[in-house]
Amino acid sequence: MSKRLQVLLEESDLEEIRRLAARRNITVADWVREALRAARQQAPAKDASRKLDAIRKAAKLGYPTSDVRTMLAEIERGYGVDDGR
């Protein structure tokens, strides 16, 4: 079932939308629906607080660390490649 949405725009904004829609040979309504659909697709699917909580929990855990050169050398040795160090 379709529902009506009323949006008040400045005349200059509406004229720009009309030009953009005309350039694509579509109605203003179709242009607006496409713009809203694109905006929804770009919106984050999940609440950012869940991701931040996971990062905070992970940051409290202990992970093996070293300086980057040592870690890369260990990785290379694991691949069977000797880096000469």
PDB file of N, CA and C in Angstrom:
ATOM      1  N   MET A   1       0.840  -1.176   0.000  1.00  0.00           N
ATOM      2  CA  MET A   1       0.000   0.000   0.000  1.00  0.00           C
ATOM      3  C   MET A   1       0.885   1.239   0.000  1.00  0.00           C
ATOM      4  N   SER A   2       0.634   2.132  -0.890  1.00  0.00           N
ATOM      5  CA  SER A   2       1.404   3.370  -0.985  1.00  0.00           C
ATOM      6  C   SER A   2       0.880   4.404  -0.001  1.00  0.00           C
ATOM      7  N   LYS A   3       1.781   5.201   0.509  1.00  0.00           N
ATOM      8  CA  LYS A   3       1.443   6.306   1.409  1.00  0.00           C
ATOM      9  C   LYS A   3       1.999   7.584   0.832  1.00  0.00           C
ATOM     10  N   ARG A   4       1.352   8.676   1.141  1.00  0.00           N
ATOM     11  CA  ARG A   4       1.780   9.983   0.652  1.00  0.00           C
ATOM     12  C   ARG A   4       2.732  10.612   1.672  1.00  0.00           C
ATOM     13  N   LEU A   5       3.772  11.259   1.173  1.00  0.00           N
ATOM     14  CA  LEU A   5       4.730  11.986   1.997  1.00  0.00           C
ATOM     15  C   LEU A   5       4.811  13.407   1.468  1.00  0.00           C
ATOM     16  N   GLN A   6       4.583  14.367   2.330  1.00  0.00           N
ATOM     17  CA  GLN A   6       4.672  15.768   1.914  1.00  0.00           C
ATOM     18  C   GLN A   6       5.945  16.364   2.479  1.00  0.00           C
ATOM     19  N   VAL A   7       6.728  16.981   1.615  1.00  0.00           N
ATOM     20  CA  VAL A   7       7.983  17.612   2.008  1.00  0.00           C
ATOM     21  C   VAL A   7       7.974  19.043   1.489  1.00  0.00           C
ATOM     22  N   LEU A   8       8.221  19.983   2.373  1.00  0.00           N
ATOM     23  CA  LEU A   8       8.277  21.387   1.979  1.00  0.00           C
ATOM     24  C   LEU A   8       9.712  21.735   1.596  1.00  0.00           C
ATOM     25  N   LEU A   9       9.875  22.333   0.416  1.00  0.00           N
ATOM     26  CA  LEU A   9      11.195  22.682  -0.095  1.00  0.00           C
ATOM     27  C   LEU A   9      11.227  24.155  -0.471  1.00  0.00           C
ATOM     28  N   GLU A  10      12.407  24.708  -0.440  1.00  0.00           N
ATOM     29  CA  GLU A  10      12.603  26.041  -0.990  1.00  0.00           C
ATOM     30  C   GLU A  10      12.382  25.952  -2.497  1.00  0.00           C
ATOM     31  N   GLU A  11      11.899  27.014  -3.090  1.00  0.00           N
ATOM     32  CA  GLU A  11      11.621  27.014  -4.530  1.00  0.00           C
ATOM     33  C   GLU A  11      12.874  26.671  -5.340  1.00  0.00           C
ATOM     34  N   SER A  12      14.012  27.201  -4.919  1.00  0.00           N
ATOM     35  CA  SER A  12      15.265  26.927  -5.653  1.00  0.00           C
ATOM     36  C   SER A  12      15.638  25.445  -5.586  1.00  0.00           C
ATOM     37  N   ASP A  13      15.409  24.809  -4.435  1.00  0.00           N
ATOM     38  CA  ASP A  13      15.691  23.373  -4.315  1.00  0.00           C
ATOM     39  C   ASP A  13      14.769  22.558  -5.212  1.00  0.00           C
ATOM     40  N   LEU A  14      13.486  22.935  -5.220  1.00  0.00           N
ATOM     41  CA  LEU A  14      12.527  22.217  -6.058  1.00  0.00           C
ATOM     42  C   LEU A  14      12.869  22.379  -7.534  1.00  0.00           C
ATOM     43  N   GLU A  15      13.261  23.561  -7.945  1.00  0.00           N
ATOM     44  CA  GLU A  15      13.645  23.774  -9.344  1.00  0.00           C
ATOM     45  C   GLU A  15      14.841  22.916  -9.723  1.00  0.00           C
ATOM     46  N   GLU A  16      15.814  22.812  -8.829  1.00  0.00           N
ATOM     47  CA  GLU A  16      16.990  21.973  -9.108  1.00  0.00           C
ATOM     48  C   GLU A  16      16.583  20.507  -9.239  1.00  0.00           C
ATOM     49  N   ILE A  17      15.701  20.055  -8.382  1.00  0.00           N
ATOM     50  CA  ILE A  17      15.223  18.665  -8.456  1.00  0.00           C
ATOM     51  C   ILE A  17      14.457  18.447  -9.759  1.00  0.00           C
ATOM     52  N   ARG A  18      13.643  19.423 -10.147  1.00  0.00           N
ATOM     53  CA  ARG A  18      12.918  19.312 -11.426  1.00  0.00           C
ATOM     54  C   ARG A  18      13.896  19.190 -12.587  1.00  0.00           C
ATOM     55  N   ARG A  19      14.959  19.997 -12.578  1.00  0.00           N
ATOM     56  CA  ARG A  19      15.959  19.929 -13.650  1.00  0.00           C
ATOM     57  C   ARG A  19      16.646  18.566 -13.674  1.00  0.00           C
ATOM     58  N   LEU A  20      17.008  18.074 -12.493  1.00  0.00           N
ATOM     59  CA  LEU A  20      17.680  16.766 -12.425  1.00  0.00           C
ATOM     60  C   LEU A  20      16.768  15.656 -12.923  1.00  0.00           C
ATOM     61  N   ALA A  21      15.500  15.707 -12.538  1.00  0.00           N
ATOM     62  CA  ALA A  21      14.544  14.691 -12.981  1.00  0.00           C
ATOM     63  C   ALA A  21      14.334  14.779 -14.496  1.00  0.00           C
ATOM     64  N   ALA A  22      14.182  15.986 -15.002  1.00  0.00           N
ATOM     65  CA  ALA A  22      13.969  16.167 -16.441  1.00  0.00           C
ATOM     66  C   ALA A  22      15.166  15.670 -17.242  1.00  0.00           C
ATOM     67  N   ARG A  23      16.363  15.913 -16.723  1.00  0.00           N
ATOM     68  CA  ARG A  23      17.580  15.457 -17.407  1.00  0.00           C
ATOM     69  C   ARG A  23      17.575  13.939 -17.567  1.00  0.00           C
ATOM     70  N   ARG A  24      16.971  13.247 -16.603  1.00  0.00           N
ATOM     71  CA  ARG A  24      16.908  11.783 -16.667  1.00  0.00           C
ATOM     72  C   ARG A  24      15.589  11.294 -17.260  1.00  0.00           C
ATOM     73  N   ASN A  25      14.740  12.235 -17.644  1.00  0.00           N
ATOM     74  CA  ASN A  25      13.444  11.914 -18.238  1.00  0.00           C
ATOM     75  C   ASN A  25      12.568  11.091 -17.285  1.00  0.00           C
ATOM     76  N   ILE A  26      12.562  11.488 -16.024  1.00  0.00           N
ATOM     77  CA  ILE A  26      11.707  10.842 -15.031  1.00  0.00           C
ATOM     78  C   ILE A  26      10.932  11.931 -14.290  1.00  0.00           C
ATOM     79  N   THR A  27       9.911  11.517 -13.568  1.00  0.00           N
ATOM     80  CA  THR A  27       9.127  12.480 -12.799  1.00  0.00           C
ATOM     81  C   THR A  27       9.890  12.881 -11.541  1.00  0.00           C
ATOM     82  N   VAL A  28       9.477  14.006 -10.968  1.00  0.00           N
ATOM     83  CA  VAL A  28      10.060  14.443  -9.699  1.00  0.00           C
ATOM     84  C   VAL A  28       9.808  13.384  -8.630  1.00  0.00           C
ATOM     85  N   ALA A  29       8.615  12.809  -8.625  1.00  0.00           N
ATOM     86  CA  ALA A  29       8.288  11.768  -7.635  1.00  0.00           C
ATOM     87  C   ALA A  29       9.234  10.581  -7.758  1.00  0.00           C
ATOM     88  N   ASP A  30       9.497  10.145  -8.997  1.00  0.00           N
ATOM     89  CA  ASP A  30      10.434   9.027  -9.185  1.00  0.00           C
ATOM     90  C   ASP A  30      11.841   9.403  -8.739  1.00  0.00           C
ATOM     91  N   TRP A  31      12.257  10.633  -9.050  1.00  0.00           N
ATOM     92  CA  TRP A  31      13.585  11.086  -8.636  1.00  0.00           C
ATOM     93  C   TRP A  31      13.699  11.076  -7.116  1.00  0.00           C
ATOM     94  N   VAL A  32      12.675  11.561  -6.435  1.00  0.00           N
ATOM     95  CA  VAL A  32      12.685  11.603  -4.967  1.00  0.00           C
ATOM     96  C   VAL A  32      12.702  10.191  -4.395  1.00  0.00           C
ATOM     97  N   ARG A  33      11.885   9.295  -4.956  1.00  0.00           N
ATOM     98  CA  ARG A  33      11.889   7.903  -4.464  1.00  0.00           C
ATOM     99  C   ARG A  33      13.270   7.276  -4.617  1.00  0.00           C
ATOM    100  N   GLU A  34      13.908   7.494  -5.763  1.00  0.00           N
ATOM    101  CA  GLU A  34      15.258   6.953  -5.980  1.00  0.00           C
ATOM    102  C   GLU A  34      16.258   7.552  -4.997  1.00  0.00           C
ATOM    103  N   ALA A  35      16.154   8.851  -4.750  1.00  0.00           N
ATOM    104  CA  ALA A  35      17.078   9.507  -3.816  1.00  0.00           C
ATOM    105  C   ALA A  35      16.891   8.968  -2.402  1.00  0.00           C
ATOM    106  N   LEU A  36      15.644   8.769  -1.997  1.00  0.00           N
ATOM    107  CA  LEU A  36      15.390   8.220  -0.659  1.00  0.00           C
ATOM    108  C   LEU A  36      15.871   6.777  -0.560  1.00  0.00           C
ATOM    109  N   ARG A  37      15.670   6.005  -1.613  1.00  0.00           N
ATOM    110  CA  ARG A  37      16.130   4.611  -1.619  1.00  0.00           C
ATOM    111  C   ARG A  37      17.661   4.567  -1.501  1.00  0.00           C
ATOM    112  N   ALA A  38      18.351   5.420  -2.234  1.00  0.00           N
ATOM    113  CA  ALA A  38      19.818   5.468  -2.165  1.00  0.00           C
ATOM    114  C   ALA A  38      20.281   5.882  -0.778  1.00  0.00           C
ATOM    115  N   ALA A  39      19.602   6.838  -0.171  1.00  0.00           N
ATOM    116  CA  ALA A  39      19.972   7.278   1.178  1.00  0.00           C
ATOM    117  C   ALA A  39      19.780   6.147   2.186  1.00  0.00           C
ATOM    118  N   ARG A  40      18.721   5.382   2.039  1.00  0.00           N
ATOM    119  CA  ARG A  40      18.501   4.241   2.946  1.00  0.00           C
ATOM    120  C   ARG A  40      19.598   3.195   2.796  1.00  0.00           C
ATOM    121  N   GLN A  41      20.023   2.958   1.574  1.00  0.00           N
ATOM    122  CA  GLN A  41      21.057   1.946   1.337  1.00  0.00           C
ATOM    123  C   GLN A  41      22.399   2.365   1.912  1.00  0.00           C
ATOM    124  N   GLN A  42      22.651   3.662   1.998  1.00  0.00           N
ATOM    125  CA  GLN A  42      23.921   4.150   2.539  1.00  0.00           C
ATOM    126  C   GLN A  42      23.910   4.245   4.048  1.00  0.00           C
ATOM    127  N   ALA A  43      22.736   4.209   4.643  1.00  0.00           N
ATOM    128  CA  ALA A  43      22.633   4.317   6.102  1.00  0.00           C
ATOM    129  C   ALA A  43      23.172   3.040   6.746  1.00  0.00           C
ATOM    130  N   PRO A  44      23.845   3.155   7.905  1.00  0.00           N
ATOM    131  CA  PRO A  44      24.352   1.959   8.585  1.00  0.00           C
ATOM    132  C   PRO A  44      23.203   1.021   8.947  1.00  0.00           C
ATOM    133  N   ALA A  45      23.429  -0.260   8.739  1.00  0.00           N
ATOM    134  CA  ALA A  45      22.386  -1.248   9.018  1.00  0.00           C
ATOM    135  C   ALA A  45      22.213  -1.472  10.513  1.00  0.00           C
ATOM    136  N   LYS A  46      23.276  -1.340  11.258  1.00  0.00           N
ATOM    137  CA  LYS A  46      23.243  -1.607  12.703  1.00  0.00           C
ATOM    138  C   LYS A  46      23.585  -0.343  13.476  1.00  0.00           C
ATOM    139  N   ASP A  47      23.215  -0.365  14.721  1.00  0.00           N
ATOM    140  CA  ASP A  47      23.534   0.735  15.619  1.00  0.00           C
ATOM    141  C   ASP A  47      25.038   0.718  15.899  1.00  0.00           C
ATOM    142  N   ALA A  48      25.687   1.857  15.797  1.00  0.00           N
ATOM    143  CA  ALA A  48      27.136   1.945  15.985  1.00  0.00           C
ATOM    144  C   ALA A  48      27.552   1.559  17.402  1.00  0.00           C
ATOM    145  N   SER A  49      26.664   1.705  18.373  1.00  0.00           N
ATOM    146  CA  SER A  49      27.042   1.403  19.757  1.00  0.00           C
ATOM    147  C   SER A  49      27.379  -0.076  19.936  1.00  0.00           C
ATOM    148  N   ARG A  50      26.734  -0.963  19.190  1.00  0.00           N
ATOM    149  CA  ARG A  50      27.074  -2.393  19.283  1.00  0.00           C
ATOM    150  C   ARG A  50      28.494  -2.654  18.803  1.00  0.00           C
ATOM    151  N   LYS A  51      28.868  -2.003  17.711  1.00  0.00           N
ATOM    152  CA  LYS A  51      30.222  -2.169  17.184  1.00  0.00           C
ATOM    153  C   LYS A  51      31.250  -1.595  18.149  1.00  0.00           C
ATOM    154  N   LEU A  52      30.951  -0.422  18.701  1.00  0.00           N
ATOM    155  CA  LEU A  52      31.881   0.183  19.652  1.00  0.00           C
ATOM    156  C   LEU A  52      32.034  -0.672  20.898  1.00  0.00           C
ATOM    157  N   ASP A  53      30.962  -1.271  21.380  1.00  0.00           N
ATOM    158  CA  ASP A  53      31.046  -2.170  22.535  1.00  0.00           C
ATOM    159  C   ASP A  53      31.957  -3.354  22.237  1.00  0.00           C
ATOM    160  N   ALA A  54      31.828  -3.918  21.050  1.00  0.00           N
ATOM    161  CA  ALA A  54      32.681  -5.051  20.671  1.00  0.00           C
ATOM    162  C   ALA A  54      34.143  -4.641  20.617  1.00  0.00           C
ATOM    163  N   ILE A  55      34.423  -3.461  20.106  1.00  0.00           N
ATOM    164  CA  ILE A  55      35.806  -2.972  20.038  1.00  0.00           C
ATOM    165  C   ILE A  55      36.351  -2.735  21.437  1.00  0.00           C
ATOM    166  N   ARG A  56      35.543  -2.151  22.307  1.00  0.00           N
ATOM    167  CA  ARG A  56      35.995  -1.903  23.684  1.00  0.00           C
ATOM    168  C   ARG A  56      36.291  -3.215  24.412  1.00  0.00           C
ATOM    169  N   LYS A  57      35.450  -4.227  24.228  1.00  0.00           N
ATOM    170  CA  LYS A  57      35.695  -5.529  24.853  1.00  0.00           C
ATOM    171  C   LYS A  57      36.974  -6.154  24.319  1.00  0.00           C
ATOM    172  N   ALA A  58      37.166  -6.085  23.007  1.00  0.00           N
ATOM    173  CA  ALA A  58      38.362  -6.665  22.403  1.00  0.00           C
ATOM    174  C   ALA A  58      39.616  -5.941  22.866  1.00  0.00           C
ATOM    175  N   ALA A  59      39.523  -4.641  23.073  1.00  0.00           N
ATOM    176  CA  ALA A  59      40.684  -3.860  23.493  1.00  0.00           C
ATOM    177  C   ALA A  59      41.146  -4.240  24.895  1.00  0.00           C
ATOM    178  N   LYS A  60      40.257  -4.776  25.713  1.00  0.00           N
ATOM    179  CA  LYS A  60      40.609  -5.183  27.072  1.00  0.00           C
ATOM    180  C   LYS A  60      41.323  -6.538  27.104  1.00  0.00           C
ATOM    181  N   LEU A  61      41.233  -7.287  26.034  1.00  0.00           N
ATOM    182  CA  LEU A  61      41.845  -8.611  25.985  1.00  0.00           C
ATOM    183  C   LEU A  61      43.329  -8.491  25.640  1.00  0.00           C
ATOM    184  N   GLY A  62      44.079  -9.499  26.016  1.00  0.00           N
ATOM    185  CA  GLY A  62      45.502  -9.507  25.703  1.00  0.00           C
ATOM    186  C   GLY A  62      45.763 -10.290  24.433  1.00  0.00           C
ATOM    187  N   TYR A  63      46.452  -9.679  23.522  1.00  0.00           N
ATOM    188  CA  TYR A  63      46.813 -10.329  22.273  1.00  0.00           C
ATOM    189  C   TYR A  63      48.327 -10.316  22.145  1.00  0.00           C
ATOM    190  N   PRO A  64      48.890 -11.329  21.497  1.00  0.00           N
ATOM    191  CA  PRO A  64      50.342 -11.310  21.306  1.00  0.00           C
ATOM    192  C   PRO A  64      50.734 -10.144  20.399  1.00  0.00           C
ATOM    193  N   THR A  65      51.689  -9.375  20.854  1.00  0.00           N
ATOM    194  CA  THR A  65      52.127  -8.226  20.066  1.00  0.00           C
ATOM    195  C   THR A  65      53.643  -8.156  20.063  1.00  0.00           C
ATOM    196  N   SER A  66      54.139  -7.405  19.140  1.00  0.00           N
ATOM    197  CA  SER A  66      55.569  -7.194  19.021  1.00  0.00           C
ATOM    198  C   SER A  66      55.733  -5.978  18.116  1.00  0.00           C
ATOM    199  N   ASP A  67      56.992  -5.583  17.874  1.00  0.00           N
ATOM    200  CA  ASP A  67      57.152  -4.501  16.907  1.00  0.00           C
ATOM    201  C   ASP A  67      56.850  -5.059  15.520  1.00  0.00           C
ATOM    202  N   VAL A  68      56.520  -4.177  14.626  1.00  0.00           N
ATOM    203  CA  VAL A  68      56.022  -4.597  13.325  1.00  0.00           C
ATOM    204  C   VAL A  68      57.048  -5.399  12.527  1.00  0.00           C
ATOM    205  N   ARG A  69      58.310  -5.036  12.588  1.00  0.00           N
ATOM    206  CA  ARG A  69      59.334  -5.773  11.822  1.00  0.00           C
ATOM    207  C   ARG A  69      59.469  -7.206  12.312  1.00  0.00           C
ATOM    208  N   THR A  70      59.442  -7.384  13.632  1.00  0.00           N
ATOM    209  CA  THR A  70      59.531  -8.733  14.181  1.00  0.00           C
ATOM    210  C   THR A  70      58.320  -9.558  13.767  1.00  0.00           C
ATOM    211  N   MET A  71      57.131  -8.950  13.857  1.00  0.00           N
ATOM    212  CA  MET A  71      55.918  -9.685  13.492  1.00  0.00           C
ATOM    213  C   MET A  71      55.929 -10.066  12.011  1.00  0.00           C
ATOM    214  N   LEU A  72      56.354  -9.152  11.139  1.00  0.00           N
ATOM    215  CA  LEU A  72      56.410  -9.472   9.714  1.00  0.00           C
ATOM    216  C   LEU A  72      57.422 -10.582   9.434  1.00  0.00           C
ATOM    217  N   ALA A  73      58.560 -10.540  10.119  1.00  0.00           N
ATOM    218  CA  ALA A  73      59.568 -11.598   9.939  1.00  0.00           C
ATOM    219  C   ALA A  73      59.006 -12.942  10.384  1.00  0.00           C
ATOM    220  N   GLU A  74      58.268 -12.958  11.503  1.00  0.00           N
ATOM    221  CA  GLU A  74      57.658 -14.203  11.977  1.00  0.00           C
ATOM    222  C   GLU A  74      56.620 -14.717  10.982  1.00  0.00           C
ATOM    223  N   ILE A  75      55.873 -13.813  10.390  1.00  0.00           N
ATOM    224  CA  ILE A  75      54.891 -14.219   9.388  1.00  0.00           C
ATOM    225  C   ILE A  75      55.582 -14.815   8.183  1.00  0.00           C
ATOM    226  N   GLU A  76      56.642 -14.155   7.717  1.00  0.00           N
ATOM    227  CA  GLU A  76      57.375 -14.655   6.560  1.00  0.00           C
ATOM    228  C   GLU A  76      57.972 -16.038   6.849  1.00  0.00           C
ATOM    229  N   ARG A  77      58.508 -16.229   8.049  1.00  0.00           N
ATOM    230  CA  ARG A  77      59.043 -17.547   8.418  1.00  0.00           C
ATOM    231  C   ARG A  77      57.952 -18.590   8.405  1.00  0.00           C
ATOM    232  N   GLY A  78      56.750 -18.184   8.796  1.00  0.00           N
ATOM    233  CA  GLY A  78      55.623 -19.109   8.773  1.00  0.00           C
ATOM    234  C   GLY A  78      55.258 -19.529   7.356  1.00  0.00           C
ATOM    235  N   TYR A  79      55.524 -18.648   6.389  1.00  0.00           N
ATOM    236  CA  TYR A  79      55.275 -18.971   4.984  1.00  0.00           C
ATOM    237  C   TYR A  79      56.431 -19.744   4.376  1.00  0.00           C
ATOM    238  N   GLY A  80      57.494 -19.924   5.155  1.00  0.00           N
ATOM    239  CA  GLY A  80      58.660 -20.629   4.643  1.00  0.00           C
ATOM    240  C   GLY A  80      59.593 -19.737   3.854  1.00  0.00           C
ATOM    241  N   VAL A  81      59.487 -18.429   4.061  1.00  0.00           N
ATOM    242  CA  VAL A  81      60.321 -17.467   3.352  1.00  0.00           C
ATOM    243  C   VAL A  81      61.285 -16.874   4.356  1.00  0.00           C
ATOM    244  N   ASP A  82      62.549 -16.898   4.059  1.00  0.00           N
ATOM    245  CA  ASP A  82      63.545 -16.314   4.947  1.00  0.00           C
ATOM    246  C   ASP A  82      63.864 -14.897   4.460  1.00  0.00           C
ATOM    247  N   ASP A  83      63.663 -13.910   5.329  1.00  0.00           N
ATOM    248  CA  ASP A  83      63.885 -12.520   4.902  1.00  0.00           C
ATOM    249  C   ASP A  83      65.333 -12.080   5.127  1.00  0.00           C
ATOM    250  N   GLY A  84      66.215 -12.947   5.613  1.00  0.00           N
ATOM    251  CA  GLY A  84      67.620 -12.633   5.766  1.00  0.00           C
ATOM    252  C   GLY A  84      67.967 -11.861   7.017  1.00  0.00           C
ATOM    253  N   ARG A  85      67.022 -11.668   7.932  1.00  0.00           N
ATOM    254  CA  ARG A  85      67.326 -10.925   9.176  1.00  0.00           C
ATOM    255  C   ARG A  85      67.775 -11.849  10.261  1.00  0.00           C
TER     256      ARG A  85
END
